[in-house]
């Protein structure tokens, strides 16, 4: 297994600009800190207890104080805001600050369709306009804006003259929900279809109002329905275009940065309850969904947004942000998104689509009309290619969307079970092969160890044999030199002569005559020349028992009483 180089990670610094009423607080922290630490800093700066503080603006929705910033995958620069619903606003707070806070809030409109007795729960940001609400209701109920009869709007929102004055001053078509006086966070409304008589009466009243404003201000207003003009346009400009920021920058170079902006804008428009969009390139989303173990694989859902489609707001707020859809996508899908509103971004996605899915799917998306968007592509990864299981258009319902997601999951689950079985069998084969390879390796190591041990033993024997041989050669050389250095054996008639008889450990006897005046060392040399070095053997006498090798070798045989004759024996030293 290749070794892994461990690199110490340097802490990443994050910048936060936090807005509270008319104040901005800049906070810089390492990504290893928690959300609670930001609140503690804000408590010191704003003099607001942490328990009274709601920190909003997170791209992933509301987070706990214990959440580590690194786990949120934040960009370097972030914008947050503080809400204090339990604290009364200061008397010096300006209307502009209060309005700004309301614009950042999300309103839940519970709208009842009177004729069919059906209820819709729609989420809108405070910056959304009444005209946008009415157009979304048209998508849901098929009641044109001019034919809608409403109940439940606050007085400020139903005062037509007040509305036209605001349009004149702010050059906008509609009153924001934040300005309309709606109850926060929920407000109930009822909508129905006007009768023909009511429609004619309203048209006459609006025509009069328009002429009054036109005469006094010099502006050319044409036919205007309640709370706005037909189809939300005046002077050739749509109200939504005036207010909405683009979901994605045009010609975005970095897909990850583009998806960060997409997620932030999506949360701003439709609330924090939405699918968790994968932040990264389409190739990285493939890696996350497909190129993992079979048990961990997921389907890939690609959401294709288009701001100019009349179905977009309803699809996003009612289908894509439904809790059941969000939960199901989170558990079973990797969700990636792209905005096709701009031509450059559309062309870029079609290039990616052609590369990953083939020209047929790219042509299918290319030929989709604007009002057929948004699209939801369900992708399943296969061994050789990526298969598009379903292309879901925006004109659907929550139940139909859920059914189609579940149908795709059934196909995916069947394929996944086959992949898991194949992967388990492959891993089992690989495990057997690894075990066999390991046993073979151990066997080779054992054989090599045995061979090396044998080689070491033979080398040791050879070394000892060489030492023994050298020692024998040395002893033989010493013996020969001593033998040659011995004085000649005296004759028997020489006077005085000592005759010594020496018994060896093998039972043999060595006999030789020495002059009585010869030193004891000559006897030792004689014994050594016969192969019994006196440093290895003791030379002993019998009666009395003496160790001759302990005597002074420079004394004569006569002095040590080995005269005229003596029998000695050799004994190996311990």
Protein backbone atom coordinates (compact mmCIF):
# COMPACT_ATOMS: atom_id res chain seq x y z
CA UNK A 1 0.00 0.00 0.00
CA UNK A 2 1.54 3.40 -0.90
CA UNK A 3 2.34 5.59 2.04
CA UNK A 4 0.30 8.74 2.58
CA UNK A 5 1.99 12.00 3.23
CA UNK A 6 0.33 13.80 6.12
CA UNK A 7 0.11 17.55 5.54
CA UNK A 8 -0.80 19.76 8.43
CA UNK A 9 -3.85 21.84 7.49
CA UNK A 10 -3.55 25.54 8.01
CA UNK A 11 -6.62 27.19 9.64
CA UNK A 12 -8.94 28.96 7.18
CA UNK A 13 -10.15 32.43 8.12
CA UNK A 14 -13.75 33.44 7.43
CA UNK A 15 -15.09 37.02 7.22
CA UNK A 16 -18.62 37.81 8.41
CA UNK A 17 -20.51 41.08 8.02
CA UNK A 18 -23.43 40.99 10.43
CA UNK A 19 -26.28 43.51 10.10
CA UNK A 20 -28.48 44.51 13.01
CA UNK A 21 -30.93 47.36 12.43
CA UNK A 22 -28.71 50.34 11.54
CA UNK A 23 -25.40 48.74 12.54
CA UNK A 24 -22.84 46.52 10.79
CA UNK A 25 -20.39 44.36 12.75
CA UNK A 26 -17.39 42.71 11.06
CA UNK A 27 -16.28 39.40 12.57
CA UNK A 28 -13.23 37.37 11.51
CA UNK A 29 -12.90 33.81 12.85
CA UNK A 30 -11.16 30.53 12.01
CA UNK A 31 -13.39 27.88 10.42
CA UNK A 32 -12.76 25.65 13.45
CA UNK A 33 -14.89 27.99 15.62
CA UNK A 34 -18.60 27.51 16.26
CA UNK A 35 -21.72 29.58 15.58
CA UNK A 36 -21.99 30.19 19.33
CA UNK A 37 -18.63 31.97 19.33
CA UNK A 38 -19.91 34.43 16.71
CA UNK A 39 -22.91 35.12 18.95
CA UNK A 40 -20.65 35.75 21.96
CA UNK A 41 -18.69 38.35 19.97
CA UNK A 42 -21.96 39.96 18.82
CA UNK A 43 -23.20 39.99 22.43
CA UNK A 44 -20.22 42.19 23.38
CA UNK A 45 -20.55 44.41 20.30
CA UNK A 46 -24.35 44.85 20.24
CA UNK A 47 -25.08 44.47 23.97
CA UNK A 48 -27.74 41.86 23.16
CA UNK A 49 -27.97 38.65 25.24
CA UNK A 50 -27.24 35.50 23.25
CA UNK A 51 -30.55 34.02 24.44
CA UNK A 52 -32.46 36.88 22.74
CA UNK A 53 -30.52 36.73 19.48
CA UNK A 54 -31.47 34.93 16.24
CA UNK A 55 -28.56 34.77 13.78
CA UNK A 56 -29.97 34.43 10.25
CA UNK A 57 -28.70 34.34 6.67
CA UNK A 58 -26.99 30.92 6.70
CA UNK A 59 -27.03 29.32 3.27
CA UNK A 60 -27.89 25.91 4.77
CA UNK A 61 -30.82 27.18 6.87
CA UNK A 62 -30.96 27.66 10.62
CA UNK A 63 -28.02 26.14 12.49
CA UNK A 64 -27.29 25.24 16.10
CA UNK A 65 -24.89 27.23 18.29
CA UNK A 66 -22.66 24.14 18.54
CA UNK A 67 -22.29 23.86 14.75
CA UNK A 68 -18.64 24.10 13.60
CA UNK A 69 -18.24 26.64 10.79
CA UNK A 70 -16.09 24.27 8.74
CA UNK A 71 -19.00 21.82 8.46
CA UNK A 72 -21.12 24.49 6.69
CA UNK A 73 -18.66 24.79 3.72
CA UNK A 74 -18.88 28.59 3.74
CA UNK A 75 -17.13 30.95 1.31
CA UNK A 76 -14.54 33.35 2.67
CA UNK A 77 -16.93 36.35 2.76
CA UNK A 78 -20.37 35.95 4.34
CA UNK A 79 -23.32 38.22 5.14
CA UNK A 80 -25.57 37.50 8.14
CA UNK A 81 -28.21 39.45 10.05
CA UNK A 82 -29.50 39.44 13.60
CA UNK A 83 -33.17 39.35 14.58
CA UNK A 84 -34.40 40.11 18.11
CA UNK A 85 -38.14 39.32 18.08
CA UNK A 86 -38.29 39.31 21.89
CA UNK A 87 -36.79 42.80 22.22
CA UNK A 88 -38.80 45.98 21.50
CA UNK A 89 -37.32 48.17 18.77
CA UNK A 90 -35.52 51.29 20.04
CA UNK A 91 -37.41 54.56 19.68
CA UNK A 92 -34.66 55.91 17.45
CA UNK A 93 -34.96 53.07 14.95
CA UNK A 94 -35.74 54.44 11.53
CA UNK A 95 -38.49 53.22 9.24
CA UNK A 96 -35.85 52.25 6.65
CA UNK A 97 -34.13 49.88 9.11
CA UNK A 98 -37.43 48.24 10.05
CA UNK A 99 -38.33 47.87 6.38
CA UNK A 100 -34.94 46.32 5.60
CA UNK A 101 -35.47 43.73 8.33
CA UNK A 102 -38.95 42.92 6.97
CA UNK A 103 -37.57 42.50 3.46
CA UNK A 104 -35.30 39.73 4.77
CA UNK A 105 -38.21 37.84 6.36
CA UNK A 106 -40.20 35.06 4.69
CA UNK A 107 -44.01 35.18 4.69
CA UNK A 108 -46.25 32.12 4.57
CA UNK A 109 -49.43 32.93 2.62
CA UNK A 110 -52.25 30.44 3.23
CA UNK A 111 -54.50 31.01 0.18
CA UNK A 112 -57.90 29.37 -0.16
CA UNK A 113 -59.37 28.91 -3.65
CA UNK A 114 -63.03 29.71 -2.97
CA UNK A 115 -64.67 27.79 -5.84
CA UNK A 116 -62.90 24.44 -5.32
CA UNK A 117 -62.25 24.84 -1.55
CA UNK A 118 -58.56 24.03 -1.97
CA UNK A 119 -55.84 25.52 0.19
CA UNK A 120 -52.33 26.46 -0.95
CA UNK A 121 -49.39 27.24 1.36
CA UNK A 122 -47.00 29.58 -0.50
CA UNK A 123 -43.68 30.92 0.80
CA UNK A 124 -42.60 34.40 -0.33
CA UNK A 125 -39.78 36.68 0.76
CA UNK A 126 -40.64 40.12 2.12
CA UNK A 127 -39.22 41.66 -1.06
CA UNK A 128 -41.74 39.80 -3.25
CA UNK A 129 -44.57 41.91 -4.70
CA UNK A 130 -48.32 41.49 -4.59
CA UNK A 131 -48.25 41.17 -8.37
CA UNK A 132 -45.90 38.16 -8.06
CA UNK A 133 -48.31 36.52 -5.62
CA UNK A 134 -51.20 37.02 -8.02
CA UNK A 135 -49.27 35.64 -10.97
CA UNK A 136 -48.31 32.55 -8.96
CA UNK A 137 -51.95 32.07 -8.02
CA UNK A 138 -52.83 32.32 -11.72
CA UNK A 139 -50.40 29.42 -12.39
CA UNK A 140 -52.13 27.36 -9.69
CA UNK A 141 -55.79 28.23 -10.29
CA UNK A 142 -55.86 29.33 -13.97
CA UNK A 143 -57.71 32.50 -12.87
CA UNK A 144 -56.19 35.45 -14.82
CA UNK A 145 -54.94 38.30 -12.67
CA UNK A 146 -57.67 40.70 -13.87
CA UNK A 147 -60.38 38.20 -12.93
CA UNK A 148 -59.11 37.45 -9.41
CA UNK A 149 -61.31 38.57 -6.51
CA UNK A 150 -59.41 38.69 -3.21
CA UNK A 151 -60.30 38.84 0.47
CA UNK A 152 -57.92 39.32 3.35
CA UNK A 153 -55.44 41.87 2.00
CA UNK A 154 -54.57 44.65 4.49
CA UNK A 155 -56.06 48.10 3.84
CA UNK A 156 -52.72 49.50 2.64
CA UNK A 157 -52.52 46.81 -0.02
CA UNK A 158 -56.05 47.39 -1.35
CA UNK A 159 -55.87 51.18 -1.57
CA UNK A 160 -55.43 51.59 -5.33
CA UNK A 161 -54.65 55.31 -5.19
CA UNK A 162 -51.99 54.71 -2.54
CA UNK A 163 -50.54 51.98 -4.71
CA UNK A 164 -50.23 54.19 -7.78
CA UNK A 165 -48.56 56.94 -5.73
CA UNK A 166 -45.97 54.40 -4.58
CA UNK A 167 -45.48 53.27 -8.16
CA UNK A 168 -44.88 56.84 -9.22
CA UNK A 169 -42.37 57.57 -6.43
CA UNK A 170 -40.43 54.28 -6.61
CA UNK A 171 -40.79 53.47 -10.33
CA UNK A 172 -42.01 49.98 -9.44
CA UNK A 173 -45.16 48.10 -10.29
CA UNK A 174 -46.09 46.56 -6.95
CA UNK A 175 -46.05 47.03 -3.23
CA UNK A 176 -43.67 44.68 -1.38
CA UNK A 177 -45.20 42.18 1.01
CA UNK A 178 -43.03 43.72 3.73
CA UNK A 179 -44.82 47.08 3.15
CA UNK A 180 -48.32 45.71 2.74
CA UNK A 181 -49.06 45.17 6.44
CA UNK A 182 -49.39 41.35 6.21
CA UNK A 183 -49.34 39.38 9.44
CA UNK A 184 -45.95 37.78 10.07
CA UNK A 185 -45.10 34.96 9.68
CA UNK A 186 -48.46 33.63 8.37
CA UNK A 187 -51.37 35.42 6.69
CA UNK A 188 -54.63 33.98 5.35
CA UNK A 189 -56.17 35.09 2.03
CA UNK A 190 -59.08 33.96 -0.10
CA UNK A 191 -59.27 34.16 -3.89
CA UNK A 192 -62.09 33.53 -6.31
CA UNK A 193 -63.14 34.38 -9.87
CA UNK A 194 -64.91 37.69 -10.54
CA UNK A 195 -68.25 37.62 -12.22
CA UNK A 196 -68.45 39.36 -15.66
CA UNK A 197 -70.32 42.29 -14.10
CA UNK A 198 -67.65 42.76 -11.43
CA UNK A 199 -64.95 42.58 -14.08
CA UNK A 200 -66.58 45.33 -16.18
CA UNK A 201 -67.13 47.52 -13.09
CA UNK A 202 -63.50 47.11 -12.04
CA UNK A 203 -62.24 47.93 -15.53
CA UNK A 204 -64.24 51.18 -15.58
CA UNK A 205 -62.94 52.21 -12.13
CA UNK A 206 -59.35 51.42 -13.06
CA UNK A 207 -59.66 53.31 -16.34
CA UNK A 208 -60.77 56.39 -14.40
CA UNK A 209 -57.90 56.02 -11.92
CA UNK A 210 -55.38 55.65 -14.68
CA UNK A 211 -56.58 58.77 -16.49
CA UNK A 212 -56.45 60.76 -13.25
CA UNK A 213 -52.85 59.81 -12.65
CA UNK A 214 -51.92 60.23 -16.30
CA UNK A 215 -53.41 63.71 -16.47
CA UNK A 216 -51.69 64.91 -13.34
CA UNK A 217 -48.28 63.32 -13.88
CA UNK A 218 -47.95 63.18 -17.65
CA UNK A 219 -47.39 59.36 -17.65
CA UNK A 220 -49.14 57.02 -20.10
CA UNK A 221 -50.74 54.22 -18.09
CA UNK A 222 -52.69 51.65 -20.03
CA UNK A 223 -55.26 49.12 -18.86
CA UNK A 224 -54.34 48.13 -15.25
CA UNK A 225 -55.99 45.37 -13.20
CA UNK A 226 -56.32 45.32 -9.44
CA UNK A 227 -52.95 45.86 -7.67
CA UNK A 228 -51.10 46.30 -10.98
CA UNK A 229 -51.24 46.07 -14.73
CA UNK A 230 -52.01 43.14 -16.96
CA UNK A 231 -49.35 40.41 -16.88
CA UNK A 232 -47.26 42.45 -14.48
CA UNK A 233 -45.76 44.80 -17.07
CA UNK A 234 -45.71 48.56 -17.52
CA UNK A 235 -43.44 50.61 -19.77
CA UNK A 236 -42.36 47.21 -21.23
CA UNK A 237 -40.62 46.11 -18.00
CA UNK A 238 -41.61 43.18 -15.78
CA UNK A 239 -41.90 43.70 -12.02
CA UNK A 240 -40.03 40.51 -11.22
CA UNK A 241 -37.12 41.62 -13.38
CA UNK A 242 -36.94 44.84 -11.40
CA UNK A 243 -36.64 43.10 -8.08
CA UNK A 244 -34.98 39.69 -8.50
CA UNK A 245 -31.25 39.19 -8.51
CA UNK A 246 -30.01 36.60 -11.02
CA UNK A 247 -29.82 33.05 -9.69
CA UNK A 248 -26.38 32.64 -11.20
CA UNK A 249 -23.79 35.04 -12.62
CA UNK A 250 -23.47 35.07 -16.39
CA UNK A 251 -20.34 33.35 -17.78
CA UNK A 252 -19.52 31.91 -14.34
CA UNK A 253 -15.97 30.59 -14.49
CA UNK A 254 -16.13 28.53 -11.28
CA UNK A 255 -19.11 26.20 -10.99
CA UNK A 256 -18.73 25.97 -7.22
CA UNK A 257 -18.96 29.74 -6.77
CA UNK A 258 -21.93 29.85 -9.16
CA UNK A 259 -23.74 27.18 -7.12
CA UNK A 260 -23.05 29.10 -3.90
CA UNK A 261 -24.80 32.16 -5.37
CA UNK A 262 -27.60 29.94 -6.71
CA UNK A 263 -28.21 28.43 -3.26
CA UNK A 264 -28.15 31.81 -1.54
CA UNK A 265 -30.58 33.38 -4.02
CA UNK A 266 -32.85 30.31 -3.92
CA UNK A 267 -33.01 30.56 -0.11
CA UNK A 268 -33.71 34.28 -0.34
CA UNK A 269 -36.64 33.74 -2.73
CA UNK A 270 -38.21 30.53 -1.46
CA UNK A 271 -37.04 30.07 2.13
CA UNK A 272 -34.60 27.76 3.83
CA UNK A 273 -36.65 24.57 3.36
CA UNK A 274 -35.29 23.43 0.00
CA UNK A 275 -33.09 20.62 -1.38
CA UNK A 276 -29.44 20.71 -0.40
CA UNK A 277 -27.78 21.68 -3.66
CA UNK A 278 -24.37 20.11 -4.27
CA UNK A 279 -21.67 22.80 -4.32
CA UNK A 280 -19.16 21.92 -7.00
CA UNK A 281 -18.79 20.97 -10.64
CA UNK A 282 -21.03 18.47 -12.42
CA UNK A 283 -18.08 16.07 -12.60
CA UNK A 284 -17.66 16.34 -8.81
CA UNK A 285 -21.38 15.58 -8.40
CA UNK A 286 -20.88 12.45 -10.52
CA UNK A 287 -18.01 11.40 -8.27
CA UNK A 288 -20.15 11.93 -5.16
CA UNK A 289 -23.16 10.03 -6.53
CA UNK A 290 -21.72 7.25 -8.69
CA UNK A 291 -18.03 6.57 -8.10
CA UNK A 292 -18.26 5.17 -4.59
CA UNK A 293 -19.08 1.73 -3.17
CA UNK A 294 -22.34 0.29 -4.53
CA UNK A 295 -24.05 0.54 -1.13
CA UNK A 296 -23.26 4.28 -0.92
CA UNK A 297 -24.34 5.26 -4.44
CA UNK A 298 -27.26 7.61 -5.05
CA UNK A 299 -29.24 8.95 -7.96
CA UNK A 300 -28.26 12.35 -9.33
CA UNK A 301 -31.04 14.93 -9.67
CA UNK A 302 -30.26 17.94 -11.87
CA UNK A 303 -32.57 20.92 -11.40
CA UNK A 304 -32.60 23.29 -14.39
CA UNK A 305 -33.96 26.73 -13.44
CA UNK A 306 -35.35 29.40 -15.79
CA UNK A 307 -36.52 32.75 -14.41
CA UNK A 308 -38.58 33.62 -17.48
CA UNK A 309 -40.90 30.61 -17.16
CA UNK A 310 -44.33 31.25 -15.63
CA UNK A 311 -44.09 27.86 -13.86
CA UNK A 312 -40.84 28.55 -12.01
CA UNK A 313 -42.16 30.25 -8.87
CA UNK A 314 -44.92 27.72 -8.32
CA UNK A 315 -42.65 24.74 -9.02
CA UNK A 316 -39.99 26.03 -6.62
CA UNK A 317 -42.27 27.15 -3.79
CA UNK A 318 -44.86 24.35 -3.98
CA UNK A 319 -43.06 21.30 -5.36
CA UNK A 320 -39.33 21.65 -4.86
CA UNK A 321 -39.65 23.16 -1.37
CA UNK A 322 -42.31 20.72 -0.13
CA UNK A 323 -41.02 18.98 2.99
CA UNK A 324 -41.78 15.51 1.58
CA UNK A 325 -39.82 16.24 -1.62
CA UNK A 326 -36.92 17.85 0.28
CA UNK A 327 -36.69 14.87 2.65
CA UNK A 328 -36.87 12.28 -0.14
CA UNK A 329 -34.22 14.04 -2.23
CA UNK A 330 -31.94 14.40 0.78
CA UNK A 331 -32.08 10.68 1.58
CA UNK A 332 -31.79 9.24 -1.92
CA UNK A 333 -30.33 11.84 -4.30
CA UNK A 334 -27.39 14.13 -4.88
CA UNK A 335 -29.06 17.32 -6.13
CA UNK A 336 -27.16 19.62 -8.51
CA UNK A 337 -28.61 22.79 -10.05
CA UNK A 338 -27.99 25.17 -12.94
CA UNK A 339 -29.67 28.34 -14.20
CA UNK A 340 -30.49 28.43 -17.93
CA UNK A 341 -31.93 31.97 -17.93
CA UNK A 342 -28.81 33.51 -19.47
CA UNK A 343 -27.79 32.32 -22.94
CA UNK A 344 -24.13 31.88 -21.95
CA UNK A 345 -25.02 29.64 -19.00
CA UNK A 346 -27.49 27.72 -21.17
CA UNK A 347 -24.83 27.08 -23.81
CA UNK A 348 -22.35 25.98 -21.17
CA UNK A 349 -24.77 23.45 -19.70
CA UNK A 350 -25.66 22.06 -23.13
CA UNK A 351 -21.95 21.48 -23.73
CA UNK A 352 -21.69 19.63 -20.42
CA UNK A 353 -24.85 17.69 -21.24
CA UNK A 354 -23.57 16.64 -24.64
CA UNK A 355 -20.31 15.46 -23.10
CA UNK A 356 -21.84 13.45 -20.25
CA UNK A 357 -25.23 12.28 -21.59
CA UNK A 358 -24.93 12.41 -25.35
CA UNK A 359 -26.45 14.52 -28.10
CA UNK A 360 -29.99 13.11 -27.74
CA UNK A 361 -30.49 14.46 -24.22
CA UNK A 362 -28.75 17.73 -25.14
CA UNK A 363 -31.13 18.14 -28.10
CA UNK A 364 -34.12 17.32 -25.85
CA UNK A 365 -33.19 20.14 -23.47
CA UNK A 366 -32.33 22.50 -26.33
CA UNK A 367 -35.80 22.11 -27.85
CA UNK A 368 -37.69 22.69 -24.58
CA UNK A 369 -39.76 25.88 -24.65
CA UNK A 370 -39.31 28.46 -21.90
CA UNK A 371 -42.75 27.77 -20.38
CA UNK A 372 -41.88 24.06 -20.05
CA UNK A 373 -39.17 24.89 -17.55
CA UNK A 374 -38.08 24.23 -14.87
CA UNK A 375 -36.76 20.75 -15.70
CA UNK A 376 -35.76 18.00 -13.32
CA UNK A 377 -33.35 15.38 -14.74
CA UNK A 378 -32.96 12.05 -12.92
CA UNK A 379 -29.59 10.44 -13.70
CA UNK A 380 -28.41 6.93 -12.84
CA UNK A 381 -24.76 5.98 -13.09
CA UNK A 382 -23.85 2.79 -14.96
CA UNK A 383 -20.60 0.98 -15.61
CA UNK A 384 -20.09 2.34 -19.10
CA UNK A 385 -22.25 5.49 -19.18
CA UNK A 386 -24.71 7.69 -17.31
CA UNK A 387 -28.37 7.01 -18.07
CA UNK A 388 -31.08 9.68 -17.91
CA UNK A 389 -34.04 7.90 -16.32
CA UNK A 390 -36.53 10.77 -16.45
CA UNK A 391 -36.96 14.37 -17.60
CA UNK A 392 -39.64 16.03 -15.44
CA UNK A 393 -41.16 19.29 -16.67
CA UNK A 394 -42.38 22.12 -14.45
CA UNK A 395 -46.11 21.58 -15.09
CA UNK A 396 -46.50 18.87 -12.47
CA UNK A 397 -47.86 18.40 -8.96
CA UNK A 398 -46.22 17.36 -5.72
CA UNK A 399 -47.84 13.91 -5.88
CA UNK A 400 -46.82 13.35 -9.49
CA UNK A 401 -43.28 14.55 -8.79
CA UNK A 402 -43.01 12.21 -5.80
CA UNK A 403 -44.37 9.28 -7.85
CA UNK A 404 -41.80 9.84 -10.59
CA UNK A 405 -38.97 10.15 -8.07
CA UNK A 406 -40.09 6.90 -6.42
CA UNK A 407 -40.34 5.16 -9.80
CA UNK A 408 -36.78 6.20 -10.58
CA UNK A 409 -35.72 4.91 -7.14
CA UNK A 410 -37.26 1.50 -7.89
CA UNK A 411 -35.21 1.20 -11.08
CA UNK A 412 -32.11 2.42 -9.28
CA UNK A 413 -32.62 0.06 -6.31
CA UNK A 414 -32.90 -2.97 -8.58
CA UNK A 415 -29.71 -1.97 -10.38
CA UNK A 416 -28.01 -1.16 -7.07
CA UNK A 417 -28.80 -4.63 -5.67
CA UNK A 418 -27.17 -6.22 -8.73
CA UNK A 419 -24.16 -3.94 -8.36
CA UNK A 420 -23.89 -4.76 -4.64
CA UNK A 421 -24.03 -8.50 -5.43
CA UNK A 422 -21.37 -8.15 -8.15
CA UNK A 423 -19.23 -5.98 -5.88
CA UNK A 424 -19.53 -8.45 -2.97
CA UNK A 425 -18.58 -11.36 -5.24
CA UNK A 426 -15.67 -9.40 -6.64
CA UNK A 427 -14.51 -8.43 -3.16
CA UNK A 428 -14.85 -12.08 -2.05
CA UNK A 429 -12.69 -13.18 -4.99
CA UNK A 430 -10.21 -10.46 -4.23
CA UNK A 431 -10.16 -11.43 -0.55
CA UNK A 432 -9.46 -15.09 -1.47
CA UNK A 433 -6.73 -13.95 -3.86
CA UNK A 434 -5.30 -11.65 -1.18
CA UNK A 435 -5.33 -14.50 1.34
CA UNK A 436 -3.64 -16.81 -1.16
CA UNK A 437 -1.08 -14.14 -2.02
CA UNK A 438 -0.48 -13.53 1.68
CA UNK A 439 -0.07 -17.28 2.37
CA UNK A 440 2.32 -17.55 -0.58
CA UNK A 441 4.24 -14.53 0.64
CA UNK A 442 4.50 -15.97 4.15
CA UNK A 443 5.62 -19.31 2.68
CA UNK A 444 8.32 -17.55 0.65
CA UNK A 445 9.41 -15.63 3.71
CA UNK A 446 9.55 -18.84 5.78
CA UNK A 447 11.60 -20.58 3.07
CA UNK A 448 13.88 -17.61 2.78
CA UNK A 449 14.29 -17.42 6.57
CA UNK A 450 15.05 -21.17 6.69
CA UNK A 451 17.54 -20.83 3.85
CA UNK A 452 19.19 -17.82 5.47
CA UNK A 453 19.37 -19.66 8.82
CA UNK A 454 20.99 -22.65 7.10
CA UNK A 455 23.41 -20.38 5.30
CA UNK A 456 24.27 -18.65 8.58
CA UNK A 457 24.81 -22.04 10.25
CA UNK A 458 27.06 -23.23 7.43
CA UNK A 459 28.99 -19.99 7.51
CA UNK A 460 29.41 -20.30 11.28
CA UNK A 461 30.60 -23.89 10.95
CA UNK A 462 33.00 -22.85 8.23
CA UNK A 463 34.26 -20.01 10.41
CA UNK A 464 34.73 -22.31 13.41
CA UNK A 465 36.39 -24.91 11.23
CA UNK A 466 38.73 -22.27 9.91
CA UNK A 467 39.54 -21.11 13.44
CA UNK A 468 40.09 -24.70 14.58
CA UNK A 469 42.32 -25.34 11.60
CA UNK A 470 44.29 -22.20 12.25
CA UNK A 471 44.63 -23.13 15.92
CA UNK A 472 45.79 -26.63 15.01
CA UNK A 473 48.28 -25.21 12.56
CA UNK A 474 49.50 -22.81 15.22
CA UNK A 475 49.77 -25.62 17.78
CA UNK A 476 51.58 -27.83 15.32
CA UNK A 477 54.02 -25.05 14.55
CA UNK A 478 54.61 -24.52 18.26
CA UNK A 479 55.01 -28.25 18.80
CA UNK A 480 57.54 -28.57 16.02
CA UNK A 481 59.49 -25.59 17.20
CA UNK A 482 59.57 -26.95 20.76
CA UNK A 483 60.49 -30.41 19.51
CA UNK A 484 63.37 -29.00 17.56
CA UNK A 485 64.46 -26.86 20.51
CA UNK A 486 64.60 -29.81 22.94
CA UNK A 487 68.12 -30.83 24.02
CA UNK A 488 69.13 -34.29 22.84
CA UNK A 489 68.13 -37.22 25.03
CA UNK A 490 71.16 -38.20 27.19
CA UNK A 491 72.50 -41.69 27.14
CA UNK A 492 71.80 -44.12 29.97
CA UNK A 493 75.37 -44.14 31.23
CA UNK A 494 75.47 -40.40 31.44
CA UNK A 495 75.62 -39.02 34.95
CA UNK A 496 73.29 -37.89 36.50
CA UNK A 497 70.18 -38.92 34.41
CA UNK A 498 66.51 -38.75 35.36
CA UNK A 499 64.17 -41.17 33.65
CA UNK A 500 60.53 -40.02 33.39
CA UNK A 501 57.56 -42.15 32.41
CA UNK A 502 54.44 -40.07 31.56
CA UNK A 503 50.97 -41.61 31.16
CA UNK A 504 48.62 -39.79 28.68
CA UNK A 505 44.81 -39.52 29.09
CA UNK A 506 44.43 -42.27 26.43
CA UNK A 507 46.52 -44.71 28.48
CA UNK A 508 49.67 -44.54 26.41
CA UNK A 509 53.06 -43.81 28.02
CA UNK A 510 55.70 -41.32 27.01
CA UNK A 511 59.20 -42.23 28.14
CA UNK A 512 62.37 -40.07 27.98
CA UNK A 513 65.62 -39.49 29.78
CA UNK A 514 66.60 -36.00 31.00
CA UNK A 515 69.70 -34.71 32.73
CA UNK A 516 69.01 -34.13 36.39
CA UNK A 517 70.29 -30.61 35.85
CA UNK A 518 67.69 -29.91 33.11
CA UNK A 519 65.06 -27.35 34.03
CA UNK A 520 61.45 -28.39 34.56
CA UNK A 521 60.49 -26.19 31.55
CA UNK A 522 62.22 -28.74 29.24
CA UNK A 523 59.83 -31.44 30.53
CA UNK A 524 56.90 -29.11 29.81
CA UNK A 525 58.21 -28.46 26.31
CA UNK A 526 58.61 -32.21 25.75
CA UNK A 527 54.99 -32.86 26.80
CA UNK A 528 53.79 -29.96 24.59
CA UNK A 529 55.76 -31.33 21.61
CA UNK A 530 53.79 -34.52 22.03
CA UNK A 531 50.53 -32.67 21.71
CA UNK A 532 49.72 -31.88 25.33
CA UNK A 533 50.27 -28.13 25.93
CA UNK A 534 50.95 -27.53 29.58
CA UNK A 535 48.46 -24.65 29.62
CA UNK A 536 45.72 -27.22 28.76
CA UNK A 537 46.91 -30.22 30.74
CA UNK A 538 48.13 -30.77 34.25
CA UNK A 539 51.20 -32.91 34.90
CA UNK A 540 50.66 -34.82 38.15
CA UNK A 541 52.80 -37.10 40.29
CA UNK A 542 51.30 -40.03 42.21
CA UNK A 543 53.07 -40.41 45.54
CA UNK A 544 52.84 -37.84 46.87
CA UNK A 545 50.20 -36.34 44.57
CA UNK A 546 51.53 -33.08 43.24
CA UNK A 547 50.61 -30.75 40.38
CA UNK A 548 53.97 -30.41 38.71
CA UNK A 549 52.66 -27.61 36.42
CA UNK A 550 52.30 -25.41 39.52
CA UNK A 551 56.05 -25.65 40.31
CA UNK A 552 58.67 -23.15 39.21
CA UNK A 553 59.61 -24.17 35.64
CA UNK A 554 63.13 -22.75 36.11
CA UNK A 555 64.06 -25.28 38.83
CA UNK A 556 65.99 -28.39 37.90
CA UNK A 557 64.56 -31.90 37.96
CA UNK A 558 66.78 -32.64 40.85
CA UNK A 559 65.43 -29.69 42.83
CA UNK A 560 61.82 -30.71 42.27
CA UNK A 561 62.67 -34.31 43.19
CA UNK A 562 62.05 -35.88 39.82
CA UNK A 563 65.26 -37.87 40.07
CA UNK A 564 66.42 -40.51 39.36
CA UNK A 565 63.11 -41.71 37.94
CA UNK A 566 59.44 -40.84 38.29
CA UNK A 567 56.09 -41.86 36.86
CA UNK A 568 53.74 -38.95 36.02
CA UNK A 569 50.35 -38.73 34.34
CA UNK A 570 48.58 -36.08 32.29
CA UNK A 571 45.12 -34.75 33.16
CA UNK A 572 43.14 -32.19 31.16
CA UNK A 573 42.47 -28.93 32.96
CA UNK A 574 38.84 -28.02 33.58
